[in-house]
Amino acid sequence: MKQVEFYFDFGSPASYLAWTQLPKIAAAAGARIVWKPMLLGGVFKATGNASPVTVAAKGKWMMGDLARFAARYGVPLKMPPSFPVNTLAMMRGAVGMQMRQPADFDRYVKAMYEAMFGRGLNMGDPDVVAGVLAAAGFDAAAFAALTADAAVKQGLVANTEEAVARGVFGAPTMFVGEDMHFGQDRLDFVAQALAR
């Protein structure tokens, strides 16, 4: 079966926009998505890259461009008040769900992305995260234990190192075979690659 690998971090609004569209693209091509949670901060550190918002003019342009894409896709885009957000616990949660509760992974990802960029909640606040988890039917204490699991922590490190080794420098990054596509504005190339 054809597949697209999706390297993502909940702190990336471009990854959020890609997440809203990629399932439709994969379904149309009869392909499956291989979800690859990584820590974007770790990728930035390893590659010498930085968030576009650290460059004032680029950050201003990017926010306007993301808003245009959200309007094109017909999806909400609300920036959280404390952007950029430290996503370490949330990304460990994604890896943990894949490892320990795979049936809950999609629901978890949906809850995190919709809270962060669909509603613009302050996901840098552990109490807000706990509330989002509870509303989505997750137990906050069990989640805390999951994110403290040594194997889960190592899984996120491994995903991040794998991403860097494959040439990833930001999020979202998608692979169809060995062809790398960076940015949610390259989804047309992903669809084209899956159609081959």
C-alpha atoms as a PDB file:
ATOM      1  CA  MET A   1       0.000   0.000   0.000  1.00  0.00           C
ATOM      2  CA  LYS A   2       1.214   3.525  -0.784  1.00  0.00           C
ATOM      3  CA  GLN A   3       2.107   5.639   2.209  1.00  0.00           C
ATOM      4  CA  VAL A   4       3.120   9.131   3.239  1.00  0.00           C
ATOM      5  CA  GLU A   5       5.276   9.672   6.317  1.00  0.00           C
ATOM      6  CA  PHE A   6       4.285  12.792   8.246  1.00  0.00           C
ATOM      7  CA  TYR A   7       6.843  14.326  10.599  1.00  0.00           C
ATOM      8  CA  PHE A   8       5.059  16.821  12.823  1.00  0.00           C
ATOM      9  CA  ASP A   9       5.045  18.788  16.057  1.00  0.00           C
ATOM     10  CA  PHE A  10       1.923  20.213  17.718  1.00  0.00           C
ATOM     11  CA  GLY A  11       3.676  23.576  18.075  1.00  0.00           C
ATOM     12  CA  SER A  12       3.767  24.142  14.314  1.00  0.00           C
ATOM     13  CA  PRO A  13       0.739  25.934  12.829  1.00  0.00           C
ATOM     14  CA  ALA A  14       1.836  24.758   9.381  1.00  0.00           C
ATOM     15  CA  SER A  15       1.741  21.160  10.656  1.00  0.00           C
ATOM     16  CA  TYR A  16      -1.771  21.810  11.975  1.00  0.00           C
ATOM     17  CA  LEU A  17      -2.908  23.009   8.547  1.00  0.00           C
ATOM     18  CA  ALA A  18      -1.312  19.976   6.886  1.00  0.00           C
ATOM     19  CA  TRP A  19      -3.061  17.713   9.412  1.00  0.00           C
ATOM     20  CA  THR A  20      -6.431  19.164   8.356  1.00  0.00           C
ATOM     21  CA  GLN A  21      -5.801  18.224   4.715  1.00  0.00           C
ATOM     22  CA  LEU A  22      -3.486  15.206   4.555  1.00  0.00           C
ATOM     23  CA  PRO A  23      -6.070  12.534   5.470  1.00  0.00           C
ATOM     24  CA  LYS A  24      -8.208  13.567   2.471  1.00  0.00           C
ATOM     25  CA  ILE A  25      -5.191  13.522   0.175  1.00  0.00           C
ATOM     26  CA  ALA A  26      -4.100  10.094   1.414  1.00  0.00           C
ATOM     27  CA  ALA A  27      -7.624   8.670   1.141  1.00  0.00           C
ATOM     28  CA  ALA A  28      -7.993   9.932  -2.437  1.00  0.00           C
ATOM     29  CA  ALA A  29      -4.742   8.150  -3.355  1.00  0.00           C
ATOM     30  CA  GLY A  30      -5.561   4.959  -1.450  1.00  0.00           C
ATOM     31  CA  ALA A  31      -2.538   5.637   0.760  1.00  0.00           C
ATOM     32  CA  ARG A  32      -1.958   5.423   4.484  1.00  0.00           C
ATOM     33  CA  ILE A  33      -0.360   8.024   6.716  1.00  0.00           C
ATOM     34  CA  VAL A  34       2.590   6.989   8.870  1.00  0.00           C
ATOM     35  CA  TRP A  35       2.538   9.477  11.755  1.00  0.00           C
ATOM     36  CA  LYS A  36       5.992  10.552  12.959  1.00  0.00           C
ATOM     37  CA  PRO A  37       5.817  12.745  16.081  1.00  0.00           C
ATOM     38  CA  MET A  38       9.103  14.595  16.572  1.00  0.00           C
ATOM     39  CA  LEU A  39      10.349  17.431  18.742  1.00  0.00           C
ATOM     40  CA  LEU A  40      10.730  20.467  16.522  1.00  0.00           C
ATOM     41  CA  GLY A  41      12.990  22.203  19.025  1.00  0.00           C
ATOM     42  CA  GLY A  42      15.351  19.229  18.843  1.00  0.00           C
ATOM     43  CA  VAL A  43      15.315  19.366  15.050  1.00  0.00           C
ATOM     44  CA  PHE A  44      16.061  23.095  15.117  1.00  0.00           C
ATOM     45  CA  LYS A  45      18.957  22.569  17.525  1.00  0.00           C
ATOM     46  CA  ALA A  46      20.454  19.735  15.476  1.00  0.00           C
ATOM     47  CA  THR A  47      20.151  21.551  12.152  1.00  0.00           C
ATOM     48  CA  GLY A  48      20.896  25.134  13.172  1.00  0.00           C
ATOM     49  CA  ASN A  49      17.412  26.184  12.080  1.00  0.00           C
ATOM     50  CA  ALA A  50      14.944  28.378  13.997  1.00  0.00           C
ATOM     51  CA  SER A  51      11.264  29.225  13.954  1.00  0.00           C
ATOM     52  CA  PRO A  52      10.330  31.792  11.281  1.00  0.00           C
ATOM     53  CA  VAL A  53       8.779  33.934  14.033  1.00  0.00           C
ATOM     54  CA  THR A  54      12.292  34.690  15.297  1.00  0.00           C
ATOM     55  CA  VAL A  55      12.733  36.886  12.197  1.00  0.00           C
ATOM     56  CA  ALA A  56      10.194  39.697  12.568  1.00  0.00           C
ATOM     57  CA  ALA A  57       9.472  40.343   8.883  1.00  0.00           C
ATOM     58  CA  LYS A  58       9.388  36.648   8.003  1.00  0.00           C
ATOM     59  CA  GLY A  59       7.181  35.829  10.984  1.00  0.00           C
ATOM     60  CA  LYS A  60       4.702  38.569  10.063  1.00  0.00           C
ATOM     61  CA  TRP A  61       4.519  37.342   6.467  1.00  0.00           C
ATOM     62  CA  MET A  62       4.184  33.695   7.534  1.00  0.00           C
ATOM     63  CA  MET A  63       1.256  34.429   9.855  1.00  0.00           C
ATOM     64  CA  GLY A  64      -0.578  36.188   7.039  1.00  0.00           C
ATOM     65  CA  ASP A  65       0.175  33.335   4.645  1.00  0.00           C
ATOM     66  CA  LEU A  66      -1.044  30.707   7.117  1.00  0.00           C
ATOM     67  CA  ALA A  67      -4.286  32.680   7.543  1.00  0.00           C
ATOM     68  CA  ARG A  68      -4.762  32.674   3.762  1.00  0.00           C
ATOM     69  CA  PHE A  69      -4.293  28.907   3.638  1.00  0.00           C
ATOM     70  CA  ALA A  70      -6.692  28.375   6.560  1.00  0.00           C
ATOM     71  CA  ALA A  71      -9.312  30.406   4.663  1.00  0.00           C
ATOM     72  CA  ARG A  72      -8.653  28.381   1.513  1.00  0.00           C
ATOM     73  CA  TYR A  73      -9.065  25.118   3.443  1.00  0.00           C
ATOM     74  CA  GLY A  74     -12.107  26.374   5.363  1.00  0.00           C
ATOM     75  CA  VAL A  75     -10.572  25.596   8.761  1.00  0.00           C
ATOM     76  CA  PRO A  76     -10.115  27.776  11.858  1.00  0.00           C
ATOM     77  CA  LEU A  77      -6.676  29.123  12.730  1.00  0.00           C
ATOM     78  CA  LYS A  78      -6.254  30.908  16.046  1.00  0.00           C
ATOM     79  CA  MET A  79      -2.777  31.426  17.435  1.00  0.00           C
ATOM     80  CA  PRO A  80      -2.293  30.576  21.123  1.00  0.00           C
ATOM     81  CA  PRO A  81      -1.356  33.501  23.379  1.00  0.00           C
ATOM     82  CA  SER A  82       2.000  32.002  24.337  1.00  0.00           C
ATOM     83  CA  PHE A  83       3.402  31.178  20.886  1.00  0.00           C
ATOM     84  CA  PRO A  84       5.767  29.450  20.365  1.00  0.00           C
ATOM     85  CA  VAL A  85       4.755  26.754  22.851  1.00  0.00           C
ATOM     86  CA  ASN A  86       6.954  24.162  24.569  1.00  0.00           C
ATOM     87  CA  THR A  87       5.430  20.929  23.237  1.00  0.00           C
ATOM     88  CA  LEU A  88       7.696  18.362  24.920  1.00  0.00           C
ATOM     89  CA  ALA A  89       4.957  16.762  27.051  1.00  0.00           C
ATOM     90  CA  MET A  90       2.422  16.838  24.206  1.00  0.00           C
ATOM     91  CA  MET A  91       4.855  15.229  21.765  1.00  0.00           C
ATOM     92  CA  ARG A  92       5.810  12.579  24.311  1.00  0.00           C
ATOM     93  CA  GLY A  93       2.072  12.021  24.637  1.00  0.00           C
ATOM     94  CA  ALA A  94       1.799  11.422  20.890  1.00  0.00           C
ATOM     95  CA  VAL A  95       4.607   8.857  20.957  1.00  0.00           C
ATOM     96  CA  GLY A  96       3.131   7.284  24.079  1.00  0.00           C
ATOM     97  CA  MET A  97      -0.283   6.939  22.463  1.00  0.00           C
ATOM     98  CA  GLN A  98       1.305   5.245  19.463  1.00  0.00           C
ATOM     99  CA  MET A  99       3.229   2.860  21.707  1.00  0.00           C
ATOM    100  CA  ARG A 100       0.709   2.138  24.461  1.00  0.00           C
ATOM    101  CA  GLN A 101      -2.765   3.201  23.257  1.00  0.00           C
ATOM    102  CA  PRO A 102      -2.757   3.182  19.433  1.00  0.00           C
ATOM    103  CA  ALA A 103      -6.553   3.129  19.252  1.00  0.00           C
ATOM    104  CA  ASP A 104      -6.562   6.538  20.988  1.00  0.00           C
ATOM    105  CA  PHE A 105      -3.844   8.171  18.854  1.00  0.00           C
ATOM    106  CA  ASP A 106      -6.089   9.904  16.291  1.00  0.00           C
ATOM    107  CA  ARG A 107      -8.394  11.241  19.023  1.00  0.00           C
ATOM    108  CA  TYR A 108      -5.405  12.545  20.962  1.00  0.00           C
ATOM    109  CA  VAL A 109      -3.905  14.311  17.941  1.00  0.00           C
ATOM    110  CA  LYS A 110      -7.280  15.860  17.117  1.00  0.00           C
ATOM    111  CA  ALA A 111      -7.693  17.128  20.683  1.00  0.00           C
ATOM    112  CA  MET A 112      -4.215  18.684  20.765  1.00  0.00           C
ATOM    113  CA  TYR A 113      -4.364  20.366  17.357  1.00  0.00           C
ATOM    114  CA  GLU A 114      -7.909  21.663  17.738  1.00  0.00           C
ATOM    115  CA  ALA A 115      -7.096  23.121  21.160  1.00  0.00           C
ATOM    116  CA  MET A 116      -3.796  24.680  20.073  1.00  0.00           C
ATOM    117  CA  PHE A 117      -4.731  26.191  16.712  1.00  0.00           C
ATOM    118  CA  GLY A 118      -8.429  25.554  16.251  1.00  0.00           C
ATOM    119  CA  ARG A 119      -9.321  27.399  19.472  1.00  0.00           C
ATOM    120  CA  GLY A 120      -6.034  29.159  20.248  1.00  0.00           C
ATOM    121  CA  LEU A 121      -5.821  27.861  23.815  1.00  0.00           C
ATOM    122  CA  ASN A 122      -2.731  28.411  25.946  1.00  0.00           C
ATOM    123  CA  MET A 123      -1.343  24.885  25.594  1.00  0.00           C
ATOM    124  CA  GLY A 124       1.825  25.976  27.351  1.00  0.00           C
ATOM    125  CA  ASP A 125      -0.194  25.889  30.593  1.00  0.00           C
ATOM    126  CA  PRO A 126      -0.318  22.359  32.099  1.00  0.00           C
ATOM    127  CA  ASP A 127      -3.739  23.080  33.632  1.00  0.00           C
ATOM    128  CA  VAL A 128      -5.147  23.983  30.206  1.00  0.00           C
ATOM    129  CA  VAL A 129      -3.655  20.806  28.729  1.00  0.00           C
ATOM    130  CA  ALA A 130      -5.188  18.767  31.561  1.00  0.00           C
ATOM    131  CA  GLY A 131      -8.585  20.321  30.823  1.00  0.00           C
ATOM    132  CA  VAL A 132      -8.292  19.555  27.116  1.00  0.00           C
ATOM    133  CA  LEU A 133      -7.309  15.972  27.896  1.00  0.00           C
ATOM    134  CA  ALA A 134     -10.257  15.534  30.273  1.00  0.00           C
ATOM    135  CA  ALA A 135     -12.704  16.987  27.741  1.00  0.00           C
ATOM    136  CA  ALA A 136     -11.395  14.500  25.155  1.00  0.00           C
ATOM    137  CA  GLY A 137     -11.883  11.590  27.548  1.00  0.00           C
ATOM    138  CA  PHE A 138      -8.285  11.136  28.709  1.00  0.00           C
ATOM    139  CA  ASP A 139      -7.167  10.773  32.322  1.00  0.00           C
ATOM    140  CA  ALA A 140      -4.629  13.498  33.141  1.00  0.00           C
ATOM    141  CA  ALA A 141      -2.809  11.374  35.742  1.00  0.00           C
ATOM    142  CA  ALA A 142      -2.471   8.453  33.325  1.00  0.00           C
ATOM    143  CA  PHE A 143      -1.230  10.896  30.688  1.00  0.00           C
ATOM    144  CA  ALA A 144       1.414  12.249  33.077  1.00  0.00           C
ATOM    145  CA  ALA A 145       2.594   8.700  33.763  1.00  0.00           C
ATOM    146  CA  LEU A 146       2.701   7.968  30.038  1.00  0.00           C
ATOM    147  CA  THR A 147       4.855  11.011  29.293  1.00  0.00           C
ATOM    148  CA  ALA A 148       7.241  10.047  32.131  1.00  0.00           C
ATOM    149  CA  ASP A 149       7.741   6.524  30.718  1.00  0.00           C
ATOM    150  CA  ALA A 150      11.432   6.055  29.800  1.00  0.00           C
ATOM    151  CA  ALA A 151      10.590   4.108  26.628  1.00  0.00           C
ATOM    152  CA  VAL A 152       8.222   6.858  25.502  1.00  0.00           C
ATOM    153  CA  LYS A 153      10.866   9.524  26.122  1.00  0.00           C
ATOM    154  CA  GLN A 154      13.394   7.514  24.134  1.00  0.00           C
ATOM    155  CA  GLY A 155      10.835   6.987  21.358  1.00  0.00           C
ATOM    156  CA  LEU A 156      10.505  10.731  20.866  1.00  0.00           C
ATOM    157  CA  VAL A 157      14.297  11.131  20.865  1.00  0.00           C
ATOM    158  CA  ALA A 158      14.586   8.335  18.291  1.00  0.00           C
ATOM    159  CA  ASN A 159      11.917   9.867  16.026  1.00  0.00           C
ATOM    160  CA  THR A 160      13.644  13.252  16.212  1.00  0.00           C
ATOM    161  CA  GLU A 161      17.071  11.786  15.458  1.00  0.00           C
ATOM    162  CA  GLU A 162      15.613   9.782  12.579  1.00  0.00           C
ATOM    163  CA  ALA A 163      14.042  12.938  11.158  1.00  0.00           C
ATOM    164  CA  VAL A 164      17.343  14.827  11.274  1.00  0.00           C
ATOM    165  CA  ALA A 165      19.196  11.876   9.706  1.00  0.00           C
ATOM    166  CA  ARG A 166      16.718  11.949   6.801  1.00  0.00           C
ATOM    167  CA  GLY A 167      17.283  15.657   6.175  1.00  0.00           C
ATOM    168  CA  VAL A 168      14.318  17.111   8.060  1.00  0.00           C
ATOM    169  CA  PHE A 169      14.886  20.700   9.214  1.00  0.00           C
ATOM    170  CA  GLY A 170      11.344  21.852  10.061  1.00  0.00           C
ATOM    171  CA  ALA A 171       7.691  20.879  10.267  1.00  0.00           C
ATOM    172  CA  PRO A 172       5.699  19.556   8.647  1.00  0.00           C
ATOM    173  CA  THR A 173       7.911  17.338   6.545  1.00  0.00           C
ATOM    174  CA  MET A 174       6.432  14.548   4.486  1.00  0.00           C
ATOM    175  CA  PHE A 175       8.085  11.681   2.672  1.00  0.00           C
ATOM    176  CA  VAL A 176       6.624   9.660  -0.180  1.00  0.00           C
ATOM    177  CA  GLY A 177       9.265   7.004  -0.592  1.00  0.00           C
ATOM    178  CA  GLU A 178      12.524   8.920  -0.327  1.00  0.00           C
ATOM    179  CA  ASP A 179      11.088  12.110  -1.833  1.00  0.00           C
ATOM    180  CA  MET A 180      10.945  14.797   0.866  1.00  0.00           C
ATOM    181  CA  HIS A 181       8.324  17.548   0.868  1.00  0.00           C
ATOM    182  CA  PHE A 182       8.627  20.359   3.411  1.00  0.00           C
ATOM    183  CA  GLY A 183       5.760  22.647   4.368  1.00  0.00           C
ATOM    184  CA  GLN A 184       1.988  22.446   4.252  1.00  0.00           C
ATOM    185  CA  ASP A 185       2.111  24.538   1.081  1.00  0.00           C
ATOM    186  CA  ARG A 186       3.654  21.524  -0.696  1.00  0.00           C
ATOM    187  CA  LEU A 187       0.689  19.213  -0.222  1.00  0.00           C
ATOM    188  CA  ASP A 188       0.010  19.345  -3.968  1.00  0.00           C
ATOM    189  CA  PHE A 189       3.410  17.732  -4.545  1.00  0.00           C
ATOM    190  CA  VAL A 190       2.557  15.066  -1.966  1.00  0.00           C
ATOM    191  CA  ALA A 191      -0.707  14.327  -3.776  1.00  0.00           C
ATOM    192  CA  GLN A 192       1.156  14.187  -7.093  1.00  0.00           C
ATOM    193  CA  ALA A 193       3.768  11.783  -5.682  1.00  0.00           C
ATOM    194  CA  LEU A 194       1.057   9.521  -4.235  1.00  0.00           C
ATOM    195  CA  ALA A 195      -0.732   9.460  -7.592  1.00  0.00           C
ATOM    196  CA  ARG A 196       2.273   7.945  -9.397  1.00  0.00           C
END
